[in-house]
């Protein structure tokens, strides 16, 4: 396991650079992680506003806020967020805040319970997913799975349209070519859309919506 050392302290990190134990988070962790994620001049008030919002939302609701909420509540758009956190929302702001989209507490409303109709959609196929509904093996993904997840989630109308599929196939292609999920910035730029457009397509968020339906996950 990797370690971050800063301020005379050490912090265990997971394989993707996320804080392994979120209870170990403090300001020193944030300050020490920032330059590793492209923030070379230190954290400003604007950075801390985002970090504090992410952490406060988690403490209040038991979940990591999706990118749309964070931007809306802090008056940010995609470009300003990218200037603040160049490596991404999940892989930048959330890492520094010590919270990820896969963090949740029991008792919150973020739980997946597929109905009988959803299983009928998948017919006789079965898919292994983790406790938060992410596909365990990305190679098991197919369009039936995507359709099933879309119906199970908050996709408008419960089904995927052409714009959804363009994004999903972009994510899959990028993952197959690079071995990693593109950041929300890369996806928006490649698809020539803004965060407001992405929210309309995937109300659950980028990672908990588009990436999950594409059968992928960041951490």
C-alpha atoms as a PDB file:
ATOM      1  CA  UNK A   1       0.000   0.000   0.000  1.00  0.00           C
ATOM      2  CA  UNK A   2       1.321   3.472  -0.837  1.00  0.00           C
ATOM      3  CA  UNK A   3       1.808   6.101   1.810  1.00  0.00           C
ATOM      4  CA  UNK A   4       1.591   9.888   1.833  1.00  0.00           C
ATOM      5  CA  UNK A   5       3.941  11.655   4.237  1.00  0.00           C
ATOM      6  CA  UNK A   6       3.287  15.281   5.169  1.00  0.00           C
ATOM      7  CA  UNK A   7       3.485  17.435   8.272  1.00  0.00           C
ATOM      8  CA  UNK A   8       5.266  14.707  10.203  1.00  0.00           C
ATOM      9  CA  UNK A   9       2.391  12.277   9.584  1.00  0.00           C
ATOM     10  CA  UNK A  10       1.855   9.325   7.279  1.00  0.00           C
ATOM     11  CA  UNK A  11      -1.398   8.396   5.565  1.00  0.00           C
ATOM     12  CA  UNK A  12      -2.069   4.951   3.999  1.00  0.00           C
ATOM     13  CA  UNK A  13      -3.371   5.197   0.440  1.00  0.00           C
ATOM     14  CA  UNK A  14      -5.401   2.750  -1.630  1.00  0.00           C
ATOM     15  CA  UNK A  15      -4.327   1.549  -5.094  1.00  0.00           C
ATOM     16  CA  UNK A  16      -5.857   4.590  -6.841  1.00  0.00           C
ATOM     17  CA  UNK A  17      -4.401   7.143  -4.427  1.00  0.00           C
ATOM     18  CA  UNK A  18      -7.539   7.489  -2.313  1.00  0.00           C
ATOM     19  CA  UNK A  19      -7.157   7.735   1.451  1.00  0.00           C
ATOM     20  CA  UNK A  20      -7.468   4.152   2.691  1.00  0.00           C
ATOM     21  CA  UNK A  21      -9.088   5.152   5.996  1.00  0.00           C
ATOM     22  CA  UNK A  22     -11.233   8.255   5.663  1.00  0.00           C
ATOM     23  CA  UNK A  23     -11.183   8.770   9.439  1.00  0.00           C
ATOM     24  CA  UNK A  24      -7.474   9.635   9.131  1.00  0.00           C
ATOM     25  CA  UNK A  25      -8.219  12.714   7.019  1.00  0.00           C
ATOM     26  CA  UNK A  26      -7.086  16.144   8.214  1.00  0.00           C
ATOM     27  CA  UNK A  27      -5.895  19.435   6.755  1.00  0.00           C
ATOM     28  CA  UNK A  28      -2.321  18.157   6.526  1.00  0.00           C
ATOM     29  CA  UNK A  29      -3.473  15.288   4.311  1.00  0.00           C
ATOM     30  CA  UNK A  30      -5.186  17.752   1.964  1.00  0.00           C
ATOM     31  CA  UNK A  31      -2.162  20.058   1.852  1.00  0.00           C
ATOM     32  CA  UNK A  32       0.209  17.150   1.241  1.00  0.00           C
ATOM     33  CA  UNK A  33      -1.925  15.558  -1.480  1.00  0.00           C
ATOM     34  CA  UNK A  34      -2.615  18.776  -3.412  1.00  0.00           C
ATOM     35  CA  UNK A  35       0.779  19.125  -5.178  1.00  0.00           C
ATOM     36  CA  UNK A  36       0.648  15.459  -6.196  1.00  0.00           C
ATOM     37  CA  UNK A  37      -2.564  16.261  -8.073  1.00  0.00           C
ATOM     38  CA  UNK A  38      -1.326  19.266 -10.014  1.00  0.00           C
ATOM     39  CA  UNK A  39      -2.059  21.983  -7.440  1.00  0.00           C
ATOM     40  CA  UNK A  40       1.472  23.295  -7.134  1.00  0.00           C
ATOM     41  CA  UNK A  41       0.836  26.664  -5.449  1.00  0.00           C
ATOM     42  CA  UNK A  42      -1.141  25.309  -2.519  1.00  0.00           C
ATOM     43  CA  UNK A  43      -4.810  25.231  -1.643  1.00  0.00           C
ATOM     44  CA  UNK A  44      -6.697  28.512  -1.923  1.00  0.00           C
ATOM     45  CA  UNK A  45     -10.005  29.525  -0.361  1.00  0.00           C
ATOM     46  CA  UNK A  46     -11.732  28.352  -3.562  1.00  0.00           C
ATOM     47  CA  UNK A  47     -10.165  24.904  -3.161  1.00  0.00           C
ATOM     48  CA  UNK A  48     -11.145  24.733   0.487  1.00  0.00           C
ATOM     49  CA  UNK A  49     -14.732  25.771  -0.264  1.00  0.00           C
ATOM     50  CA  UNK A  50     -15.070  22.702  -2.511  1.00  0.00           C
ATOM     51  CA  UNK A  51     -13.238  20.387  -0.100  1.00  0.00           C
ATOM     52  CA  UNK A  52     -15.334  21.575   2.841  1.00  0.00           C
ATOM     53  CA  UNK A  53     -18.552  21.181   0.876  1.00  0.00           C
ATOM     54  CA  UNK A  54     -17.687  17.584  -0.048  1.00  0.00           C
ATOM     55  CA  UNK A  55     -16.833  16.683   3.529  1.00  0.00           C
ATOM     56  CA  UNK A  56     -19.788  18.505   5.076  1.00  0.00           C
ATOM     57  CA  UNK A  57     -22.192  16.872   2.640  1.00  0.00           C
ATOM     58  CA  UNK A  58     -20.807  13.452   3.516  1.00  0.00           C
ATOM     59  CA  UNK A  59     -21.135  14.141   7.241  1.00  0.00           C
ATOM     60  CA  UNK A  60     -24.708  15.357   6.764  1.00  0.00           C
ATOM     61  CA  UNK A  61     -26.002  12.779   4.281  1.00  0.00           C
ATOM     62  CA  UNK A  62     -23.572   9.849   4.412  1.00  0.00           C
ATOM     63  CA  UNK A  63     -22.660  10.117   0.735  1.00  0.00           C
ATOM     64  CA  UNK A  64     -20.160  11.873  -1.478  1.00  0.00           C
ATOM     65  CA  UNK A  65     -21.922  14.688  -3.385  1.00  0.00           C
ATOM     66  CA  UNK A  66     -22.018  14.283  -7.143  1.00  0.00           C
ATOM     67  CA  UNK A  67     -20.153  16.779  -9.299  1.00  0.00           C
ATOM     68  CA  UNK A  68     -23.310  18.661 -10.299  1.00  0.00           C
ATOM     69  CA  UNK A  69     -24.207  19.449  -6.688  1.00  0.00           C
ATOM     70  CA  UNK A  70     -20.709  20.574  -5.788  1.00  0.00           C
ATOM     71  CA  UNK A  71     -20.416  22.876  -8.790  1.00  0.00           C
ATOM     72  CA  UNK A  72     -23.886  24.328  -8.320  1.00  0.00           C
ATOM     73  CA  UNK A  73     -23.405  25.025  -4.610  1.00  0.00           C
ATOM     74  CA  UNK A  74     -19.988  26.598  -5.168  1.00  0.00           C
ATOM     75  CA  UNK A  75     -20.836  28.596  -8.306  1.00  0.00           C
ATOM     76  CA  UNK A  76     -18.465  26.625 -10.535  1.00  0.00           C
ATOM     77  CA  UNK A  77     -18.627  25.405 -14.102  1.00  0.00           C
ATOM     78  CA  UNK A  78     -16.528  22.689 -15.722  1.00  0.00           C
ATOM     79  CA  UNK A  79     -13.746  25.067 -16.741  1.00  0.00           C
ATOM     80  CA  UNK A  80     -13.348  26.689 -13.346  1.00  0.00           C
ATOM     81  CA  UNK A  81     -13.463  23.338 -11.603  1.00  0.00           C
ATOM     82  CA  UNK A  82     -10.755  22.045 -13.939  1.00  0.00           C
ATOM     83  CA  UNK A  83      -8.535  25.023 -13.125  1.00  0.00           C
ATOM     84  CA  UNK A  84      -8.925  24.287  -9.427  1.00  0.00           C
ATOM     85  CA  UNK A  85      -8.590  20.489  -9.664  1.00  0.00           C
ATOM     86  CA  UNK A  86      -6.812  19.614 -12.939  1.00  0.00           C
ATOM     87  CA  UNK A  87      -6.863  15.831 -12.376  1.00  0.00           C
ATOM     88  CA  UNK A  88     -10.633  15.696 -12.097  1.00  0.00           C
ATOM     89  CA  UNK A  89     -13.466  15.851  -9.591  1.00  0.00           C
ATOM     90  CA  UNK A  90     -13.353  12.299  -8.296  1.00  0.00           C
ATOM     91  CA  UNK A  91      -9.594  11.954  -8.874  1.00  0.00           C
ATOM     92  CA  UNK A  92      -8.783  15.437  -7.647  1.00  0.00           C
ATOM     93  CA  UNK A  93     -11.234  17.238  -5.371  1.00  0.00           C
ATOM     94  CA  UNK A  94     -12.615  14.084  -3.775  1.00  0.00           C
ATOM     95  CA  UNK A  95      -9.207  12.499  -3.225  1.00  0.00           C
ATOM     96  CA  UNK A  96      -8.036  15.652  -1.455  1.00  0.00           C
ATOM     97  CA  UNK A  97     -11.250  15.737   0.586  1.00  0.00           C
ATOM     98  CA  UNK A  98     -10.683  12.118   1.595  1.00  0.00           C
ATOM     99  CA  UNK A  99     -14.115  11.061   0.307  1.00  0.00           C
ATOM    100  CA  UNK A 100     -15.035   9.166  -2.864  1.00  0.00           C
ATOM    101  CA  UNK A 101     -18.235   8.256  -4.694  1.00  0.00           C
ATOM    102  CA  UNK A 102     -17.873   4.733  -3.292  1.00  0.00           C
ATOM    103  CA  UNK A 103     -18.019   5.980   0.287  1.00  0.00           C
ATOM    104  CA  UNK A 104     -21.417   5.706   1.910  1.00  0.00           C
ATOM    105  CA  UNK A 105     -22.871   4.918   5.288  1.00  0.00           C
ATOM    106  CA  UNK A 106     -25.555   2.353   6.005  1.00  0.00           C
ATOM    107  CA  UNK A 107     -28.921   3.988   6.332  1.00  0.00           C
ATOM    108  CA  UNK A 108     -28.570   6.369   3.419  1.00  0.00           C
ATOM    109  CA  UNK A 109     -30.854   6.212   0.414  1.00  0.00           C
ATOM    110  CA  UNK A 110     -28.084   5.168  -1.960  1.00  0.00           C
ATOM    111  CA  UNK A 111     -28.881   1.486  -2.302  1.00  0.00           C
ATOM    112  CA  UNK A 112     -29.605  -0.661  -5.379  1.00  0.00           C
ATOM    113  CA  UNK A 113     -32.448  -3.156  -5.269  1.00  0.00           C
ATOM    114  CA  UNK A 114     -33.215  -4.424  -8.802  1.00  0.00           C
ATOM    115  CA  UNK A 115     -36.871  -5.331  -9.266  1.00  0.00           C
ATOM    116  CA  UNK A 116     -38.222  -8.460 -10.937  1.00  0.00           C
ATOM    117  CA  UNK A 117     -38.775  -6.466 -14.126  1.00  0.00           C
ATOM    118  CA  UNK A 118     -35.096  -5.574 -14.271  1.00  0.00           C
ATOM    119  CA  UNK A 119     -34.083  -9.210 -13.996  1.00  0.00           C
ATOM    120  CA  UNK A 120     -36.504 -10.048 -16.786  1.00  0.00           C
ATOM    121  CA  UNK A 121     -34.787  -7.435 -18.949  1.00  0.00           C
ATOM    122  CA  UNK A 122     -31.491  -9.233 -18.403  1.00  0.00           C
ATOM    123  CA  UNK A 123     -33.273 -12.508 -19.202  1.00  0.00           C
ATOM    124  CA  UNK A 124     -31.148 -15.449 -18.083  1.00  0.00           C
ATOM    125  CA  UNK A 125     -27.928 -13.473 -17.888  1.00  0.00           C
ATOM    126  CA  UNK A 126     -26.307 -12.776 -14.543  1.00  0.00           C
ATOM    127  CA  UNK A 127     -23.791 -10.090 -13.627  1.00  0.00           C
ATOM    128  CA  UNK A 128     -21.585  -9.875 -10.580  1.00  0.00           C
ATOM    129  CA  UNK A 129     -21.779  -6.452  -8.954  1.00  0.00           C
ATOM    130  CA  UNK A 130     -20.422  -5.136  -5.677  1.00  0.00           C
ATOM    131  CA  UNK A 131     -22.484  -3.793  -2.778  1.00  0.00           C
ATOM    132  CA  UNK A 132     -22.880  -0.425  -4.502  1.00  0.00           C
ATOM    133  CA  UNK A 133     -23.952  -1.815  -7.853  1.00  0.00           C
ATOM    134  CA  UNK A 134     -20.675  -1.489  -9.789  1.00  0.00           C
ATOM    135  CA  UNK A 135     -19.851  -4.301 -12.194  1.00  0.00           C
ATOM    136  CA  UNK A 136     -16.990  -6.301 -10.692  1.00  0.00           C
ATOM    137  CA  UNK A 137     -15.459  -7.427 -13.990  1.00  0.00           C
ATOM    138  CA  UNK A 138     -15.579  -4.781 -16.724  1.00  0.00           C
ATOM    139  CA  UNK A 139     -15.232  -7.525 -19.347  1.00  0.00           C
ATOM    140  CA  UNK A 140     -18.664  -8.888 -18.350  1.00  0.00           C
ATOM    141  CA  UNK A 141     -20.317  -5.712 -19.613  1.00  0.00           C
ATOM    142  CA  UNK A 142     -22.726  -5.739 -22.540  1.00  0.00           C
ATOM    143  CA  UNK A 143     -25.608  -3.589 -23.768  1.00  0.00           C
ATOM    144  CA  UNK A 144     -28.145  -5.668 -21.862  1.00  0.00           C
ATOM    145  CA  UNK A 145     -26.367  -4.787 -18.631  1.00  0.00           C
ATOM    146  CA  UNK A 146     -26.353  -1.097 -19.566  1.00  0.00           C
ATOM    147  CA  UNK A 147     -30.063  -1.189 -20.333  1.00  0.00           C
ATOM    148  CA  UNK A 148     -30.758  -2.942 -17.063  1.00  0.00           C
ATOM    149  CA  UNK A 149     -28.799  -0.418 -15.018  1.00  0.00           C
ATOM    150  CA  UNK A 150     -30.387   2.525 -16.841  1.00  0.00           C
ATOM    151  CA  UNK A 151     -33.840   1.234 -15.966  1.00  0.00           C
ATOM    152  CA  UNK A 152     -32.739   0.712 -12.369  1.00  0.00           C
ATOM    153  CA  UNK A 153     -31.338   4.212 -11.988  1.00  0.00           C
ATOM    154  CA  UNK A 154     -32.577   7.749 -12.623  1.00  0.00           C
ATOM    155  CA  UNK A 155     -32.176   7.853 -16.390  1.00  0.00           C
ATOM    156  CA  UNK A 156     -35.056   9.964 -17.758  1.00  0.00           C
ATOM    157  CA  UNK A 157     -37.656   7.616 -19.185  1.00  0.00           C
ATOM    158  CA  UNK A 158     -35.715   4.632 -17.862  1.00  0.00           C
ATOM    159  CA  UNK A 159     -33.951   3.960 -21.153  1.00  0.00           C
ATOM    160  CA  UNK A 160     -30.838   5.049 -23.016  1.00  0.00           C
ATOM    161  CA  UNK A 161     -30.929   7.295 -26.088  1.00  0.00           C
ATOM    162  CA  UNK A 162     -28.334   8.078 -28.731  1.00  0.00           C
ATOM    163  CA  UNK A 163     -26.587  10.702 -26.578  1.00  0.00           C
ATOM    164  CA  UNK A 164     -26.303   8.288 -23.664  1.00  0.00           C
ATOM    165  CA  UNK A 165     -24.820   5.615 -25.906  1.00  0.00           C
ATOM    166  CA  UNK A 166     -22.254   7.988 -27.389  1.00  0.00           C
ATOM    167  CA  UNK A 167     -20.934   8.698 -23.910  1.00  0.00           C
ATOM    168  CA  UNK A 168     -21.101   5.073 -22.762  1.00  0.00           C
ATOM    169  CA  UNK A 169     -19.244   3.829 -25.831  1.00  0.00           C
ATOM    170  CA  UNK A 170     -16.668   6.582 -25.448  1.00  0.00           C
ATOM    171  CA  UNK A 171     -16.026   5.483 -21.863  1.00  0.00           C
ATOM    172  CA  UNK A 172     -15.739   1.836 -22.879  1.00  0.00           C
ATOM    173  CA  UNK A 173     -13.422   2.619 -25.786  1.00  0.00           C
ATOM    174  CA  UNK A 174     -11.176   4.822 -23.703  1.00  0.00           C
ATOM    175  CA  UNK A 175     -10.989   2.201 -20.975  1.00  0.00           C
ATOM    176  CA  UNK A 176     -10.090  -0.525 -23.458  1.00  0.00           C
ATOM    177  CA  UNK A 177      -7.406   1.640 -25.092  1.00  0.00           C
ATOM    178  CA  UNK A 178      -5.895   3.235 -21.998  1.00  0.00           C
ATOM    179  CA  UNK A 179      -6.814   0.898 -19.180  1.00  0.00           C
ATOM    180  CA  UNK A 180      -8.461   3.677 -17.175  1.00  0.00           C
ATOM    181  CA  UNK A 181     -11.700   5.629 -17.000  1.00  0.00           C
ATOM    182  CA  UNK A 182     -11.460   9.117 -18.560  1.00  0.00           C
ATOM    183  CA  UNK A 183     -12.040  12.051 -16.238  1.00  0.00           C
ATOM    184  CA  UNK A 184     -15.280  13.965 -16.393  1.00  0.00           C
ATOM    185  CA  UNK A 185     -13.344  16.798 -18.063  1.00  0.00           C
ATOM    186  CA  UNK A 186     -12.068  14.517 -20.834  1.00  0.00           C
ATOM    187  CA  UNK A 187     -15.527  13.090 -21.432  1.00  0.00           C
ATOM    188  CA  UNK A 188     -17.232  16.483 -21.568  1.00  0.00           C
ATOM    189  CA  UNK A 189     -14.581  17.857 -23.906  1.00  0.00           C
ATOM    190  CA  UNK A 190     -14.679  14.834 -26.204  1.00  0.00           C
ATOM    191  CA  UNK A 191     -18.500  14.871 -26.328  1.00  0.00           C
ATOM    192  CA  UNK A 192     -18.606  18.680 -26.534  1.00  0.00           C
ATOM    193  CA  UNK A 193     -21.048  18.987 -23.661  1.00  0.00           C
ATOM    194  CA  UNK A 194     -21.197  20.915 -20.397  1.00  0.00           C
ATOM    195  CA  UNK A 195     -21.952  19.620 -16.913  1.00  0.00           C
ATOM    196  CA  UNK A 196     -25.571  20.772 -17.181  1.00  0.00           C
ATOM    197  CA  UNK A 197     -25.998  18.582 -20.264  1.00  0.00           C
ATOM    198  CA  UNK A 198     -24.338  15.645 -18.519  1.00  0.00           C
ATOM    199  CA  UNK A 199     -26.655  16.050 -15.548  1.00  0.00           C
ATOM    200  CA  UNK A 200     -29.703  15.896 -17.795  1.00  0.00           C
ATOM    201  CA  UNK A 201     -28.450  12.642 -19.277  1.00  0.00           C
ATOM    202  CA  UNK A 202     -27.113  11.032 -16.081  1.00  0.00           C
ATOM    203  CA  UNK A 203     -28.828  12.583 -13.017  1.00  0.00           C
ATOM    204  CA  UNK A 204     -27.080  10.188 -10.619  1.00  0.00           C
ATOM    205  CA  UNK A 205     -23.727  11.733 -11.507  1.00  0.00           C
ATOM    206  CA  UNK A 206     -20.761  10.985 -13.726  1.00  0.00           C
ATOM    207  CA  UNK A 207     -19.265   8.145 -11.701  1.00  0.00           C
ATOM    208  CA  UNK A 208     -22.493   6.864 -10.135  1.00  0.00           C
ATOM    209  CA  UNK A 209     -24.343   7.250 -13.422  1.00  0.00           C
ATOM    210  CA  UNK A 210     -22.445   7.182 -16.709  1.00  0.00           C
ATOM    211  CA  UNK A 211     -19.397   5.245 -15.481  1.00  0.00           C
ATOM    212  CA  UNK A 212     -21.494   2.685 -13.605  1.00  0.00           C
ATOM    213  CA  UNK A 213     -23.781   2.067 -16.591  1.00  0.00           C
ATOM    214  CA  UNK A 214     -20.674   1.603 -18.755  1.00  0.00           C
ATOM    215  CA  UNK A 215     -19.656  -1.224 -16.412  1.00  0.00           C
ATOM    216  CA  UNK A 216     -16.610   0.647 -15.120  1.00  0.00           C
ATOM    217  CA  UNK A 217     -15.398   2.133 -11.871  1.00  0.00           C
ATOM    218  CA  UNK A 218     -12.578   4.384 -10.740  1.00  0.00           C
ATOM    219  CA  UNK A 219     -11.635   2.792  -7.429  1.00  0.00           C
END
